[in-house]
């Protein structure tokens, strides 16, 4: 089903509802409604935009094609800059403070001595 394929492709791309919505030019709620099946008649231009954002073909989202096989591709942890940018967007302020304190600790620990 389209709704299941949308969600699976978004999760495979490791993207949030907000990230997809922003890049497609719709609200977070619209993407959520697409994924939950509340909105079933998705405009074809939005299907195309979502597919481009998620790095799949519209046919994959529609269920006409199989998704790309990623079983042979080792999954890598996000790079430090991208994980920090994601943390800044998604973590609550108290967790961001803890993360900043940890970063400060490691910066001091690894500072050149001299």
C-alpha atoms as a PDB file:
ATOM      1  CA  UNK A   1       0.000   0.000   0.000  1.00  0.00           C
ATOM      2  CA  UNK A   2       1.084   3.541  -0.712  1.00  0.00           C
ATOM      3  CA  UNK A   3       0.886   4.643   2.930  1.00  0.00           C
ATOM      4  CA  UNK A   4       3.101   1.775   4.078  1.00  0.00           C
ATOM      5  CA  UNK A   5       5.586   2.345   1.267  1.00  0.00           C
ATOM      6  CA  UNK A   6       5.805   6.053   2.136  1.00  0.00           C
ATOM      7  CA  UNK A   7       6.606   5.354   5.763  1.00  0.00           C
ATOM      8  CA  UNK A   8       9.044   2.542   4.961  1.00  0.00           C
ATOM      9  CA  UNK A   9      10.904   4.742   2.462  1.00  0.00           C
ATOM     10  CA  UNK A  10      11.048   7.653   4.931  1.00  0.00           C
ATOM     11  CA  UNK A  11      12.388   5.447   7.709  1.00  0.00           C
ATOM     12  CA  UNK A  12      14.908   3.844   5.332  1.00  0.00           C
ATOM     13  CA  UNK A  13      16.079   7.352   4.413  1.00  0.00           C
ATOM     14  CA  UNK A  14      16.352   8.136   8.144  1.00  0.00           C
ATOM     15  CA  UNK A  15      14.266  11.253   7.760  1.00  0.00           C
ATOM     16  CA  UNK A  16      11.705  12.774  10.094  1.00  0.00           C
ATOM     17  CA  UNK A  17       8.216  13.816   9.080  1.00  0.00           C
ATOM     18  CA  UNK A  18       9.345  17.432   9.479  1.00  0.00           C
ATOM     19  CA  UNK A  19      12.349  16.992   7.183  1.00  0.00           C
ATOM     20  CA  UNK A  20      10.280  15.406   4.420  1.00  0.00           C
ATOM     21  CA  UNK A  21       7.506  17.974   4.777  1.00  0.00           C
ATOM     22  CA  UNK A  22       9.923  20.887   4.577  1.00  0.00           C
ATOM     23  CA  UNK A  23      11.616  19.545   1.451  1.00  0.00           C
ATOM     24  CA  UNK A  24       8.321  18.695  -0.256  1.00  0.00           C
ATOM     25  CA  UNK A  25       6.717  21.997   0.687  1.00  0.00           C
ATOM     26  CA  UNK A  26       3.793  20.677   2.726  1.00  0.00           C
ATOM     27  CA  UNK A  27       3.049  20.506   6.438  1.00  0.00           C
ATOM     28  CA  UNK A  28       4.256  17.782   8.771  1.00  0.00           C
ATOM     29  CA  UNK A  29       0.605  16.862   9.342  1.00  0.00           C
ATOM     30  CA  UNK A  30       0.099  16.329   5.611  1.00  0.00           C
ATOM     31  CA  UNK A  31       2.972  13.828   5.438  1.00  0.00           C
ATOM     32  CA  UNK A  32       1.659  12.124   8.590  1.00  0.00           C
ATOM     33  CA  UNK A  33      -1.810  11.901   7.026  1.00  0.00           C
ATOM     34  CA  UNK A  34      -0.326  10.402   3.859  1.00  0.00           C
ATOM     35  CA  UNK A  35       1.485   7.772   5.951  1.00  0.00           C
ATOM     36  CA  UNK A  36      -1.555   6.963   8.092  1.00  0.00           C
ATOM     37  CA  UNK A  37      -3.862   6.684   5.086  1.00  0.00           C
ATOM     38  CA  UNK A  38      -6.134   9.551   6.167  1.00  0.00           C
ATOM     39  CA  UNK A  39      -5.303  11.224   2.837  1.00  0.00           C
ATOM     40  CA  UNK A  40      -5.436   8.536   0.163  1.00  0.00           C
ATOM     41  CA  UNK A  41      -5.561  10.594  -3.013  1.00  0.00           C
ATOM     42  CA  UNK A  42      -2.104  12.132  -2.935  1.00  0.00           C
ATOM     43  CA  UNK A  43      -1.470  14.536  -5.809  1.00  0.00           C
ATOM     44  CA  UNK A  44       0.906  12.953  -8.315  1.00  0.00           C
ATOM     45  CA  UNK A  45       3.268  15.926  -8.124  1.00  0.00           C
ATOM     46  CA  UNK A  46       3.600  15.372  -4.359  1.00  0.00           C
ATOM     47  CA  UNK A  47       4.289  11.665  -4.881  1.00  0.00           C
ATOM     48  CA  UNK A  48       7.051  12.634  -7.288  1.00  0.00           C
ATOM     49  CA  UNK A  49       8.500  15.210  -4.866  1.00  0.00           C
ATOM     50  CA  UNK A  50       8.391  12.767  -1.950  1.00  0.00           C
ATOM     51  CA  UNK A  51      10.063  10.076  -4.045  1.00  0.00           C
ATOM     52  CA  UNK A  52      12.863  12.484  -4.998  1.00  0.00           C
ATOM     53  CA  UNK A  53      13.365  13.548  -1.380  1.00  0.00           C
ATOM     54  CA  UNK A  54      13.481   9.927  -0.197  1.00  0.00           C
ATOM     55  CA  UNK A  55      15.735   8.755  -3.028  1.00  0.00           C
ATOM     56  CA  UNK A  56      13.307   6.239  -4.512  1.00  0.00           C
ATOM     57  CA  UNK A  57      11.195   6.163  -7.657  1.00  0.00           C
ATOM     58  CA  UNK A  58       7.500   7.047  -7.614  1.00  0.00           C
ATOM     59  CA  UNK A  59       6.924   3.437  -8.725  1.00  0.00           C
ATOM     60  CA  UNK A  60       8.427   2.191  -5.463  1.00  0.00           C
ATOM     61  CA  UNK A  61       6.074   4.391  -3.448  1.00  0.00           C
ATOM     62  CA  UNK A  62       3.094   3.255  -5.507  1.00  0.00           C
ATOM     63  CA  UNK A  63       4.083  -0.403  -5.104  1.00  0.00           C
ATOM     64  CA  UNK A  64       4.681  -0.908  -8.811  1.00  0.00           C
ATOM     65  CA  UNK A  65       8.402  -1.568  -8.310  1.00  0.00           C
ATOM     66  CA  UNK A  66      10.365  -3.309  -5.596  1.00  0.00           C
ATOM     67  CA  UNK A  67      12.351  -1.020  -3.310  1.00  0.00           C
ATOM     68  CA  UNK A  68      16.106  -0.974  -3.863  1.00  0.00           C
ATOM     69  CA  UNK A  69      17.884  -3.868  -2.175  1.00  0.00           C
ATOM     70  CA  UNK A  70      19.930  -2.448   0.659  1.00  0.00           C
ATOM     71  CA  UNK A  71      20.748  -5.736   2.362  1.00  0.00           C
ATOM     72  CA  UNK A  72      24.239  -5.807   0.832  1.00  0.00           C
ATOM     73  CA  UNK A  73      24.963  -2.234   1.829  1.00  0.00           C
ATOM     74  CA  UNK A  74      26.426  -1.990   5.308  1.00  0.00           C
ATOM     75  CA  UNK A  75      24.664   0.557   7.430  1.00  0.00           C
ATOM     76  CA  UNK A  76      26.937   3.207   8.786  1.00  0.00           C
ATOM     77  CA  UNK A  77      26.425   5.430  11.767  1.00  0.00           C
ATOM     78  CA  UNK A  78      25.651   9.029  10.876  1.00  0.00           C
ATOM     79  CA  UNK A  79      28.705  11.234  10.651  1.00  0.00           C
ATOM     80  CA  UNK A  80      29.351  13.408  13.698  1.00  0.00           C
ATOM     81  CA  UNK A  81      28.346  16.688  12.033  1.00  0.00           C
ATOM     82  CA  UNK A  82      25.045  15.302  10.735  1.00  0.00           C
ATOM     83  CA  UNK A  83      24.143  13.609  14.005  1.00  0.00           C
ATOM     84  CA  UNK A  84      24.864  16.831  15.885  1.00  0.00           C
ATOM     85  CA  UNK A  85      22.680  18.839  13.514  1.00  0.00           C
ATOM     86  CA  UNK A  86      19.903  16.295  13.910  1.00  0.00           C
ATOM     87  CA  UNK A  87      20.290  16.370  17.703  1.00  0.00           C
ATOM     88  CA  UNK A  88      20.031  20.154  17.672  1.00  0.00           C
ATOM     89  CA  UNK A  89      16.719  19.928  15.794  1.00  0.00           C
ATOM     90  CA  UNK A  90      15.153  17.024  17.648  1.00  0.00           C
ATOM     91  CA  UNK A  91      16.365  16.943  21.249  1.00  0.00           C
ATOM     92  CA  UNK A  92      14.696  18.831  24.079  1.00  0.00           C
ATOM     93  CA  UNK A  93      16.709  21.706  25.613  1.00  0.00           C
ATOM     94  CA  UNK A  94      17.753  19.768  28.719  1.00  0.00           C
ATOM     95  CA  UNK A  95      19.247  16.974  26.590  1.00  0.00           C
ATOM     96  CA  UNK A  96      20.984  19.514  24.357  1.00  0.00           C
ATOM     97  CA  UNK A  97      22.590  21.039  27.469  1.00  0.00           C
ATOM     98  CA  UNK A  98      23.842  17.599  28.529  1.00  0.00           C
ATOM     99  CA  UNK A  99      25.211  16.980  25.030  1.00  0.00           C
ATOM    100  CA  UNK A 100      26.923  20.388  25.005  1.00  0.00           C
ATOM    101  CA  UNK A 101      28.463  19.676  28.430  1.00  0.00           C
ATOM    102  CA  UNK A 102      29.799  16.345  27.155  1.00  0.00           C
ATOM    103  CA  UNK A 103      31.262  17.982  24.060  1.00  0.00           C
ATOM    104  CA  UNK A 104      32.936  20.632  26.212  1.00  0.00           C
ATOM    105  CA  UNK A 105      34.441  17.885  28.395  1.00  0.00           C
ATOM    106  CA  UNK A 106      35.927  16.074  25.386  1.00  0.00           C
ATOM    107  CA  UNK A 107      37.224  19.303  23.878  1.00  0.00           C
ATOM    108  CA  UNK A 108      39.061  20.129  27.103  1.00  0.00           C
ATOM    109  CA  UNK A 109      40.319  16.557  27.448  1.00  0.00           C
ATOM    110  CA  UNK A 110      41.765  16.560  23.930  1.00  0.00           C
ATOM    111  CA  UNK A 111      43.024  20.151  23.872  1.00  0.00           C
ATOM    112  CA  UNK A 112      46.698  20.476  22.993  1.00  0.00           C
ATOM    113  CA  UNK A 113      48.840  20.710  26.053  1.00  0.00           C
ATOM    114  CA  UNK A 114      51.329  23.439  26.010  1.00  0.00           C
END
